[in-house]
Amino acid sequence: MLRHSAAVGADLPPDEAVVLDAPDAALRTALTSAAEGDHGPARELLAATREHTQWELRDGYVSRLAEAALHNPGWLDAWLAESPEDPDAALVRADLCIDRAWEIRTAERARHVSRDQFQAFFALLEDAAPVIGRAADLNPADPVPWRIALVHAVGSQAPREVFDGYWARALACDPP
């Protein structure tokens, strides 16, 4: 076994190419199209969730599309260039900003994160704040920007009052 250890896993795809939680057909189409540079299916998918107020489904889709944009941003850039006022594209961009910050910081314990990584992480989070605000402004009825704002607050170590304010805004959009 030791003699062959260098070859073990050599033909496996990279981690980001492996899908553990298989998406539903609509999301799969959107993700496949995005990887090919086409934002149309993602635009249609998120517009439907917005129109039908499917907030929980929308939140999951936004997260997966932002993750896809992290590794292949061209399709989102094209969507934003074509439709800068699109609330759905703005929402994916807001979540992408958070993903980029966490990619720099990593999920490691703080003691394993360098000072430069922390500085870049906090700078990216600072840059993300107006992007999240814009996503909320473009669709005031949508609670998903407030979920993204809550994740932002965790990373930026915001005080409790900030969390409570974001939570209140989310509940105002989608009461229990």
N, C-alpha and C. Protein backbone atom coordinates (compact mmCIF):
# COMPACT_ATOMS: atom_id res chain seq x y z
N MET A 1 0.82 -1.18 0.00
CA MET A 1 0.00 0.00 0.00
C MET A 1 0.87 1.26 0.00
N LEU A 2 1.88 1.31 0.85
CA LEU A 2 2.74 2.49 0.91
C LEU A 2 3.43 2.74 -0.42
N ARG A 3 3.77 1.69 -1.09
CA ARG A 3 4.44 1.81 -2.37
C ARG A 3 3.55 2.53 -3.40
N HIS A 4 2.23 2.44 -3.26
CA HIS A 4 1.30 3.03 -4.23
C HIS A 4 0.62 4.29 -3.69
N SER A 5 1.02 4.76 -2.54
CA SER A 5 0.31 5.88 -1.91
C SER A 5 0.34 7.16 -2.74
N ALA A 6 1.37 7.39 -3.49
CA ALA A 6 1.43 8.61 -4.31
C ALA A 6 0.36 8.60 -5.40
N ALA A 7 -0.04 7.44 -5.82
CA ALA A 7 -1.04 7.33 -6.90
C ALA A 7 -2.47 7.32 -6.37
N VAL A 8 -2.65 7.09 -5.07
CA VAL A 8 -4.00 7.03 -4.51
C VAL A 8 -4.65 8.41 -4.63
N GLY A 9 -5.76 8.44 -5.30
CA GLY A 9 -6.51 9.68 -5.46
C GLY A 9 -6.01 10.60 -6.55
N ALA A 10 -4.98 10.20 -7.27
CA ALA A 10 -4.40 11.07 -8.29
C ALA A 10 -5.38 11.39 -9.41
N ASP A 11 -6.33 10.51 -9.67
CA ASP A 11 -7.28 10.72 -10.75
C ASP A 11 -8.61 11.30 -10.27
N LEU A 12 -8.71 11.65 -9.01
CA LEU A 12 -9.96 12.19 -8.49
C LEU A 12 -10.13 13.65 -8.91
N PRO A 13 -11.37 14.11 -9.09
CA PRO A 13 -11.60 15.51 -9.44
C PRO A 13 -11.28 16.40 -8.25
N PRO A 14 -11.05 17.70 -8.49
CA PRO A 14 -10.79 18.62 -7.37
C PRO A 14 -12.02 18.72 -6.47
N ASP A 15 -11.83 19.07 -5.22
CA ASP A 15 -12.92 19.12 -4.25
C ASP A 15 -14.09 19.98 -4.73
N GLU A 16 -13.80 21.15 -5.31
CA GLU A 16 -14.88 22.06 -5.72
C GLU A 16 -15.72 21.52 -6.87
N ALA A 17 -15.24 20.47 -7.52
CA ALA A 17 -15.99 19.87 -8.63
C ALA A 17 -16.91 18.74 -8.16
N VAL A 18 -16.82 18.37 -6.89
CA VAL A 18 -17.63 17.29 -6.35
C VAL A 18 -18.88 17.88 -5.69
N VAL A 19 -20.04 17.38 -6.08
CA VAL A 19 -21.30 17.84 -5.53
C VAL A 19 -21.80 16.80 -4.54
N LEU A 20 -21.87 17.18 -3.26
CA LEU A 20 -22.33 16.26 -2.24
C LEU A 20 -23.84 16.30 -2.09
N ASP A 21 -24.40 17.47 -2.04
CA ASP A 21 -25.84 17.64 -1.95
C ASP A 21 -26.34 17.98 -3.34
N ALA A 22 -26.80 16.99 -4.04
CA ALA A 22 -27.22 17.19 -5.42
C ALA A 22 -28.34 18.22 -5.48
N PRO A 23 -28.19 19.24 -6.30
CA PRO A 23 -29.23 20.26 -6.40
C PRO A 23 -30.43 19.74 -7.18
N ASP A 24 -31.57 20.42 -6.97
CA ASP A 24 -32.74 20.06 -7.76
C ASP A 24 -32.48 20.42 -9.22
N ALA A 25 -33.36 19.99 -10.09
CA ALA A 25 -33.14 20.14 -11.53
C ALA A 25 -32.95 21.60 -11.94
N ALA A 26 -33.77 22.49 -11.40
CA ALA A 26 -33.68 23.90 -11.78
C ALA A 26 -32.34 24.51 -11.36
N LEU A 27 -31.93 24.20 -10.13
CA LEU A 27 -30.64 24.73 -9.67
C LEU A 27 -29.49 24.08 -10.43
N ARG A 28 -29.60 22.80 -10.71
CA ARG A 28 -28.56 22.12 -11.47
C ARG A 28 -28.39 22.78 -12.84
N THR A 29 -29.50 23.11 -13.49
CA THR A 29 -29.44 23.79 -14.79
C THR A 29 -28.77 25.15 -14.64
N ALA A 30 -29.15 25.89 -13.60
CA ALA A 30 -28.56 27.22 -13.37
C ALA A 30 -27.06 27.12 -13.10
N LEU A 31 -26.65 26.16 -12.30
CA LEU A 31 -25.24 26.00 -11.99
C LEU A 31 -24.43 25.56 -13.21
N THR A 32 -24.99 24.65 -13.98
CA THR A 32 -24.31 24.19 -15.19
C THR A 32 -24.17 25.34 -16.19
N SER A 33 -25.24 26.09 -16.37
CA SER A 33 -25.20 27.23 -17.29
C SER A 33 -24.22 28.29 -16.81
N ALA A 34 -24.22 28.54 -15.50
CA ALA A 34 -23.28 29.52 -14.95
C ALA A 34 -21.84 29.11 -15.22
N ALA A 35 -21.55 27.84 -15.04
CA ALA A 35 -20.19 27.34 -15.31
C ALA A 35 -19.81 27.54 -16.77
N GLU A 36 -20.81 27.58 -17.65
CA GLU A 36 -20.58 27.81 -19.08
C GLU A 36 -20.65 29.28 -19.45
N GLY A 37 -20.87 30.16 -18.44
CA GLY A 37 -20.89 31.59 -18.67
C GLY A 37 -22.26 32.19 -18.94
N ASP A 38 -23.32 31.41 -18.81
CA ASP A 38 -24.69 31.87 -19.10
C ASP A 38 -25.44 32.11 -17.79
N HIS A 39 -25.86 33.34 -17.56
CA HIS A 39 -26.58 33.67 -16.34
C HIS A 39 -28.09 33.57 -16.47
N GLY A 40 -28.60 33.31 -17.65
CA GLY A 40 -30.04 33.26 -17.89
C GLY A 40 -30.81 32.34 -16.96
N PRO A 41 -30.43 31.07 -16.84
CA PRO A 41 -31.17 30.18 -15.94
C PRO A 41 -31.12 30.63 -14.47
N ALA A 42 -30.00 31.17 -14.02
CA ALA A 42 -29.92 31.67 -12.64
C ALA A 42 -30.86 32.86 -12.47
N ARG A 43 -30.89 33.74 -13.44
CA ARG A 43 -31.78 34.91 -13.40
C ARG A 43 -33.24 34.45 -13.30
N GLU A 44 -33.62 33.50 -14.14
CA GLU A 44 -35.00 32.99 -14.15
C GLU A 44 -35.34 32.28 -12.84
N LEU A 45 -34.42 31.49 -12.34
CA LEU A 45 -34.63 30.74 -11.11
C LEU A 45 -34.87 31.67 -9.93
N LEU A 46 -34.00 32.66 -9.78
CA LEU A 46 -34.15 33.57 -8.64
C LEU A 46 -35.35 34.50 -8.80
N ALA A 47 -35.66 34.89 -10.02
CA ALA A 47 -36.85 35.72 -10.25
C ALA A 47 -38.11 34.96 -9.81
N ALA A 48 -38.16 33.66 -10.10
CA ALA A 48 -39.32 32.85 -9.70
C ALA A 48 -39.44 32.76 -8.18
N THR A 49 -38.32 32.59 -7.50
CA THR A 49 -38.39 32.50 -6.03
C THR A 49 -38.82 33.83 -5.43
N ARG A 50 -38.41 34.92 -6.04
CA ARG A 50 -38.81 36.26 -5.57
C ARG A 50 -40.30 36.47 -5.80
N GLU A 51 -40.76 36.16 -7.01
CA GLU A 51 -42.16 36.37 -7.37
C GLU A 51 -43.11 35.51 -6.55
N HIS A 52 -42.66 34.32 -6.18
CA HIS A 52 -43.52 33.40 -5.42
C HIS A 52 -43.19 33.42 -3.93
N THR A 53 -42.40 34.37 -3.50
CA THR A 53 -41.97 34.54 -2.11
C THR A 53 -41.53 33.21 -1.47
N GLN A 54 -40.72 32.48 -2.18
CA GLN A 54 -40.14 31.22 -1.69
C GLN A 54 -38.80 31.53 -1.04
N TRP A 55 -38.83 32.18 0.10
CA TRP A 55 -37.62 32.73 0.70
C TRP A 55 -36.61 31.68 1.10
N GLU A 56 -37.07 30.58 1.68
CA GLU A 56 -36.11 29.57 2.13
C GLU A 56 -35.42 28.92 0.93
N LEU A 57 -36.19 28.61 -0.09
CA LEU A 57 -35.62 28.06 -1.31
C LEU A 57 -34.67 29.06 -1.95
N ARG A 58 -35.09 30.31 -1.98
CA ARG A 58 -34.28 31.39 -2.55
C ARG A 58 -32.93 31.50 -1.83
N ASP A 59 -32.98 31.43 -0.52
CA ASP A 59 -31.75 31.54 0.27
C ASP A 59 -30.77 30.43 -0.10
N GLY A 60 -31.26 29.21 -0.22
CA GLY A 60 -30.39 28.10 -0.60
C GLY A 60 -29.83 28.27 -2.00
N TYR A 61 -30.67 28.73 -2.93
CA TYR A 61 -30.21 28.95 -4.29
C TYR A 61 -29.15 30.05 -4.36
N VAL A 62 -29.40 31.12 -3.64
CA VAL A 62 -28.43 32.23 -3.63
C VAL A 62 -27.08 31.76 -3.11
N SER A 63 -27.09 30.98 -2.05
CA SER A 63 -25.84 30.47 -1.48
C SER A 63 -25.08 29.62 -2.49
N ARG A 64 -25.78 28.73 -3.15
CA ARG A 64 -25.12 27.85 -4.13
C ARG A 64 -24.62 28.64 -5.34
N LEU A 65 -25.40 29.62 -5.78
CA LEU A 65 -24.98 30.43 -6.94
C LEU A 65 -23.79 31.32 -6.57
N ALA A 66 -23.77 31.84 -5.35
CA ALA A 66 -22.62 32.65 -4.91
C ALA A 66 -21.37 31.78 -4.84
N GLU A 67 -21.52 30.57 -4.37
CA GLU A 67 -20.38 29.64 -4.33
C GLU A 67 -19.88 29.35 -5.74
N ALA A 68 -20.81 29.20 -6.68
CA ALA A 68 -20.42 28.97 -8.08
C ALA A 68 -19.69 30.19 -8.64
N ALA A 69 -20.15 31.37 -8.26
CA ALA A 69 -19.52 32.61 -8.74
C ALA A 69 -18.14 32.80 -8.12
N LEU A 70 -17.92 32.24 -6.96
CA LEU A 70 -16.61 32.34 -6.32
C LEU A 70 -15.55 31.67 -7.19
N HIS A 71 -15.90 30.58 -7.83
CA HIS A 71 -14.95 29.82 -8.64
C HIS A 71 -15.03 30.16 -10.13
N ASN A 72 -16.09 30.86 -10.53
CA ASN A 72 -16.29 31.20 -11.94
C ASN A 72 -17.12 32.48 -12.01
N PRO A 73 -16.51 33.64 -11.73
CA PRO A 73 -17.29 34.87 -11.59
C PRO A 73 -17.78 35.52 -12.87
N GLY A 74 -17.32 35.10 -14.01
CA GLY A 74 -17.66 35.77 -15.26
C GLY A 74 -19.14 35.88 -15.54
N TRP A 75 -19.89 34.83 -15.25
CA TRP A 75 -21.33 34.85 -15.52
C TRP A 75 -22.05 35.87 -14.65
N LEU A 76 -21.64 36.01 -13.40
CA LEU A 76 -22.28 37.00 -12.52
C LEU A 76 -21.89 38.41 -12.94
N ASP A 77 -20.64 38.60 -13.32
CA ASP A 77 -20.20 39.91 -13.81
C ASP A 77 -21.02 40.32 -15.04
N ALA A 78 -21.25 39.38 -15.94
CA ALA A 78 -22.04 39.67 -17.15
C ALA A 78 -23.48 40.01 -16.78
N TRP A 79 -24.04 39.29 -15.83
CA TRP A 79 -25.41 39.54 -15.38
C TRP A 79 -25.53 40.95 -14.78
N LEU A 80 -24.59 41.29 -13.92
CA LEU A 80 -24.60 42.61 -13.29
C LEU A 80 -24.39 43.73 -14.31
N ALA A 81 -23.54 43.48 -15.30
CA ALA A 81 -23.31 44.49 -16.34
C ALA A 81 -24.56 44.69 -17.19
N GLU A 82 -25.26 43.61 -17.47
CA GLU A 82 -26.47 43.66 -18.27
C GLU A 82 -27.65 44.27 -17.51
N SER A 83 -27.74 43.95 -16.21
CA SER A 83 -28.88 44.38 -15.39
C SER A 83 -28.41 44.85 -14.02
N PRO A 84 -27.82 46.03 -13.95
CA PRO A 84 -27.25 46.49 -12.67
C PRO A 84 -28.29 46.72 -11.57
N GLU A 85 -29.55 46.84 -11.94
CA GLU A 85 -30.60 47.05 -10.93
C GLU A 85 -31.34 45.77 -10.59
N ASP A 86 -30.88 44.64 -11.08
CA ASP A 86 -31.56 43.37 -10.83
C ASP A 86 -31.34 42.98 -9.36
N PRO A 87 -32.43 42.86 -8.58
CA PRO A 87 -32.26 42.53 -7.16
C PRO A 87 -31.69 41.14 -6.94
N ASP A 88 -31.90 40.24 -7.89
CA ASP A 88 -31.40 38.88 -7.73
C ASP A 88 -29.90 38.80 -7.96
N ALA A 89 -29.42 39.50 -8.98
CA ALA A 89 -27.98 39.54 -9.23
C ALA A 89 -27.27 40.24 -8.06
N ALA A 90 -27.88 41.31 -7.56
CA ALA A 90 -27.30 42.02 -6.42
C ALA A 90 -27.22 41.13 -5.19
N LEU A 91 -28.22 40.28 -5.02
CA LEU A 91 -28.24 39.37 -3.88
C LEU A 91 -27.13 38.33 -3.98
N VAL A 92 -26.95 37.77 -5.15
CA VAL A 92 -25.85 36.80 -5.35
C VAL A 92 -24.52 37.50 -5.11
N ARG A 93 -24.39 38.72 -5.60
CA ARG A 93 -23.14 39.46 -5.41
C ARG A 93 -22.87 39.70 -3.92
N ALA A 94 -23.92 40.03 -3.17
CA ALA A 94 -23.74 40.27 -1.73
C ALA A 94 -23.24 39.00 -1.03
N ASP A 95 -23.84 37.87 -1.35
CA ASP A 95 -23.40 36.61 -0.74
C ASP A 95 -22.00 36.25 -1.20
N LEU A 96 -21.69 36.54 -2.45
CA LEU A 96 -20.35 36.29 -2.98
C LEU A 96 -19.30 37.10 -2.20
N CYS A 97 -19.62 38.32 -1.86
CA CYS A 97 -18.68 39.15 -1.09
C CYS A 97 -18.32 38.48 0.23
N ILE A 98 -19.31 37.91 0.89
CA ILE A 98 -19.05 37.22 2.15
C ILE A 98 -18.23 35.96 1.90
N ASP A 99 -18.57 35.22 0.85
CA ASP A 99 -17.79 34.02 0.52
C ASP A 99 -16.33 34.35 0.24
N ARG A 100 -16.09 35.44 -0.46
CA ARG A 100 -14.71 35.83 -0.76
C ARG A 100 -13.93 36.15 0.51
N ALA A 101 -14.58 36.84 1.41
CA ALA A 101 -13.93 37.18 2.68
C ALA A 101 -13.56 35.91 3.45
N TRP A 102 -14.51 34.97 3.53
CA TRP A 102 -14.25 33.75 4.28
C TRP A 102 -13.24 32.86 3.57
N GLU A 103 -13.17 32.94 2.27
CA GLU A 103 -12.15 32.17 1.56
C GLU A 103 -10.75 32.65 1.96
N ILE A 104 -10.59 33.94 2.13
CA ILE A 104 -9.30 34.51 2.55
C ILE A 104 -8.99 34.13 4.00
N ARG A 105 -10.00 34.27 4.86
CA ARG A 105 -9.80 34.02 6.28
C ARG A 105 -9.63 32.52 6.56
N THR A 106 -10.33 31.68 5.83
CA THR A 106 -10.40 30.23 5.98
C THR A 106 -11.24 29.87 7.21
N ALA A 107 -11.54 28.61 7.35
CA ALA A 107 -12.33 28.12 8.47
C ALA A 107 -11.43 27.67 9.63
N GLU A 108 -10.15 27.92 9.49
CA GLU A 108 -9.21 27.53 10.55
C GLU A 108 -9.49 28.31 11.84
N ARG A 109 -9.05 27.76 12.93
CA ARG A 109 -9.12 28.49 14.20
C ARG A 109 -8.28 29.75 14.08
N ALA A 110 -8.65 30.76 14.82
CA ALA A 110 -7.99 32.07 14.71
C ALA A 110 -6.48 31.98 14.87
N ARG A 111 -6.02 31.11 15.72
CA ARG A 111 -4.57 31.03 15.94
C ARG A 111 -3.82 30.54 14.70
N HIS A 112 -4.55 29.95 13.74
CA HIS A 112 -3.93 29.46 12.52
C HIS A 112 -4.15 30.40 11.33
N VAL A 113 -4.72 31.56 11.60
CA VAL A 113 -4.99 32.55 10.55
C VAL A 113 -3.97 33.68 10.72
N SER A 114 -3.28 34.01 9.64
CA SER A 114 -2.24 35.04 9.73
C SER A 114 -2.85 36.43 9.88
N ARG A 115 -2.02 37.34 10.33
CA ARG A 115 -2.43 38.74 10.47
C ARG A 115 -2.88 39.30 9.11
N ASP A 116 -2.13 38.98 8.06
CA ASP A 116 -2.50 39.45 6.72
C ASP A 116 -3.86 38.91 6.29
N GLN A 117 -4.12 37.65 6.60
CA GLN A 117 -5.41 37.07 6.27
C GLN A 117 -6.53 37.79 7.01
N PHE A 118 -6.32 38.06 8.29
CA PHE A 118 -7.34 38.77 9.07
C PHE A 118 -7.56 40.18 8.52
N GLN A 119 -6.49 40.86 8.17
CA GLN A 119 -6.64 42.22 7.62
C GLN A 119 -7.43 42.19 6.31
N ALA A 120 -7.11 41.25 5.44
CA ALA A 120 -7.83 41.13 4.17
C ALA A 120 -9.29 40.75 4.42
N PHE A 121 -9.51 39.84 5.36
CA PHE A 121 -10.86 39.40 5.70
C PHE A 121 -11.71 40.58 6.15
N PHE A 122 -11.21 41.37 7.09
CA PHE A 122 -11.99 42.50 7.60
C PHE A 122 -12.16 43.59 6.54
N ALA A 123 -11.17 43.77 5.69
CA ALA A 123 -11.30 44.75 4.60
C ALA A 123 -12.39 44.32 3.61
N LEU A 124 -12.42 43.03 3.28
CA LEU A 124 -13.45 42.53 2.37
C LEU A 124 -14.83 42.62 3.01
N LEU A 125 -14.92 42.35 4.30
CA LEU A 125 -16.21 42.49 4.98
C LEU A 125 -16.66 43.95 4.99
N GLU A 126 -15.74 44.86 5.19
CA GLU A 126 -16.10 46.28 5.15
C GLU A 126 -16.62 46.66 3.76
N ASP A 127 -15.97 46.16 2.74
CA ASP A 127 -16.42 46.42 1.36
C ASP A 127 -17.78 45.78 1.07
N ALA A 128 -18.09 44.71 1.76
CA ALA A 128 -19.35 43.99 1.52
C ALA A 128 -20.57 44.72 2.07
N ALA A 129 -20.38 45.52 3.10
CA ALA A 129 -21.53 46.16 3.77
C ALA A 129 -22.42 46.94 2.80
N PRO A 130 -21.88 47.82 1.96
CA PRO A 130 -22.78 48.54 1.05
C PRO A 130 -23.40 47.64 -0.02
N VAL A 131 -22.73 46.57 -0.37
CA VAL A 131 -23.27 45.63 -1.36
C VAL A 131 -24.49 44.92 -0.77
N ILE A 132 -24.41 44.54 0.49
CA ILE A 132 -25.54 43.92 1.17
C ILE A 132 -26.69 44.92 1.30
N GLY A 133 -26.35 46.15 1.66
CA GLY A 133 -27.36 47.19 1.77
C GLY A 133 -28.07 47.44 0.45
N ARG A 134 -27.32 47.42 -0.63
CA ARG A 134 -27.93 47.62 -1.95
C ARG A 134 -28.87 46.47 -2.30
N ALA A 135 -28.49 45.25 -1.99
CA ALA A 135 -29.37 44.10 -2.25
C ALA A 135 -30.66 44.24 -1.46
N ALA A 136 -30.57 44.71 -0.23
CA ALA A 136 -31.78 44.91 0.58
C ALA A 136 -32.64 46.05 0.02
N ASP A 137 -31.99 47.10 -0.44
CA ASP A 137 -32.73 48.24 -0.99
C ASP A 137 -33.45 47.89 -2.29
N LEU A 138 -32.84 47.04 -3.10
CA LEU A 138 -33.44 46.70 -4.39
C LEU A 138 -34.68 45.82 -4.26
N ASN A 139 -34.82 45.12 -3.14
CA ASN A 139 -36.00 44.29 -2.91
C ASN A 139 -36.32 44.30 -1.42
N PRO A 140 -36.97 45.36 -0.94
CA PRO A 140 -37.21 45.52 0.50
C PRO A 140 -38.04 44.40 1.13
N ALA A 141 -38.80 43.66 0.35
CA ALA A 141 -39.62 42.58 0.90
C ALA A 141 -38.84 41.29 1.13
N ASP A 142 -37.61 41.23 0.67
CA ASP A 142 -36.81 40.01 0.69
C ASP A 142 -36.05 39.88 2.02
N PRO A 143 -36.26 38.77 2.76
CA PRO A 143 -35.50 38.58 4.00
C PRO A 143 -34.08 38.07 3.78
N VAL A 144 -33.77 37.57 2.58
CA VAL A 144 -32.47 36.93 2.35
C VAL A 144 -31.30 37.90 2.53
N PRO A 145 -31.39 39.16 2.10
CA PRO A 145 -30.25 40.05 2.38
C PRO A 145 -29.95 40.18 3.87
N TRP A 146 -30.98 40.02 4.69
CA TRP A 146 -30.76 40.14 6.13
C TRP A 146 -30.09 38.90 6.69
N ARG A 147 -30.30 37.73 6.07
CA ARG A 147 -29.53 36.55 6.46
C ARG A 147 -28.06 36.77 6.11
N ILE A 148 -27.82 37.34 4.95
CA ILE A 148 -26.44 37.63 4.55
C ILE A 148 -25.83 38.66 5.49
N ALA A 149 -26.64 39.65 5.88
CA ALA A 149 -26.16 40.66 6.83
C ALA A 149 -25.82 40.03 8.18
N LEU A 150 -26.58 39.03 8.60
CA LEU A 150 -26.28 38.34 9.85
C LEU A 150 -24.94 37.61 9.77
N VAL A 151 -24.67 36.97 8.64
CA VAL A 151 -23.38 36.30 8.45
C VAL A 151 -22.26 37.34 8.45
N HIS A 152 -22.51 38.46 7.82
CA HIS A 152 -21.55 39.57 7.82
C HIS A 152 -21.26 40.02 9.24
N ALA A 153 -22.31 40.14 10.04
CA ALA A 153 -22.16 40.60 11.43
C ALA A 153 -21.33 39.62 12.25
N VAL A 154 -21.49 38.33 11.98
CA VAL A 154 -20.68 37.33 12.68
C VAL A 154 -19.20 37.57 12.36
N GLY A 155 -18.90 37.68 11.08
CA GLY A 155 -17.50 37.86 10.67
C GLY A 155 -16.90 39.16 11.17
N SER A 156 -17.69 40.21 11.16
CA SER A 156 -17.16 41.51 11.57
C SER A 156 -17.25 41.74 13.07
N GLN A 157 -17.71 40.73 13.79
CA GLN A 157 -17.80 40.78 15.25
C GLN A 157 -18.64 41.97 15.72
N ALA A 158 -19.79 42.14 15.08
CA ALA A 158 -20.68 43.25 15.39
C ALA A 158 -21.30 43.08 16.79
N PRO A 159 -21.68 44.18 17.40
CA PRO A 159 -22.33 44.08 18.72
C PRO A 159 -23.73 43.46 18.61
N ARG A 160 -24.24 43.01 19.72
CA ARG A 160 -25.54 42.32 19.79
C ARG A 160 -26.67 43.16 19.17
N GLU A 161 -26.63 44.45 19.36
CA GLU A 161 -27.69 45.31 18.84
C GLU A 161 -27.78 45.24 17.32
N VAL A 162 -26.64 45.06 16.67
CA VAL A 162 -26.62 44.95 15.21
C VAL A 162 -27.32 43.65 14.79
N PHE A 163 -26.98 42.55 15.48
CA PHE A 163 -27.63 41.28 15.19
C PHE A 163 -29.15 41.40 15.38
N ASP A 164 -29.54 41.99 16.49
CA ASP A 164 -30.97 42.14 16.78
C ASP A 164 -31.67 42.97 15.71
N GLY A 165 -31.01 44.01 15.23
CA GLY A 165 -31.59 44.84 14.17
C GLY A 165 -31.76 44.07 12.87
N TYR A 166 -30.74 43.32 12.50
CA TYR A 166 -30.82 42.52 11.27
C TYR A 166 -31.91 41.45 11.40
N TRP A 167 -31.97 40.81 12.55
CA TRP A 167 -32.97 39.77 12.77
C TRP A 167 -34.38 40.37 12.69
N ALA A 168 -34.56 41.53 13.28
CA ALA A 168 -35.86 42.20 13.22
C ALA A 168 -36.25 42.54 11.79
N ARG A 169 -35.28 42.98 10.99
CA ARG A 169 -35.56 43.28 9.57
C ARG A 169 -35.95 42.03 8.81
N ALA A 170 -35.27 40.92 9.09
CA ALA A 170 -35.60 39.66 8.41
C ALA A 170 -37.02 39.22 8.79
N LEU A 171 -37.34 39.30 10.08
CA LEU A 171 -38.67 38.89 10.53
C LEU A 171 -39.76 39.81 9.99
N ALA A 172 -39.44 41.08 9.80
CA ALA A 172 -40.42 42.00 9.23
C ALA A 172 -40.76 41.61 7.79
N CYS A 173 -39.78 41.06 7.09
CA CYS A 173 -40.00 40.62 5.71
C CYS A 173 -40.74 39.29 5.64
N ASP A 174 -40.48 38.42 6.60
CA ASP A 174 -41.05 37.07 6.56
C ASP A 174 -41.36 36.63 7.98
N PRO A 175 -42.51 37.10 8.52
CA PRO A 175 -42.84 36.74 9.90
C PRO A 175 -43.07 35.24 10.05
N PRO A 176 -42.80 34.72 11.26
CA PRO A 176 -42.99 33.27 11.49
C PRO A 176 -44.45 32.86 11.40
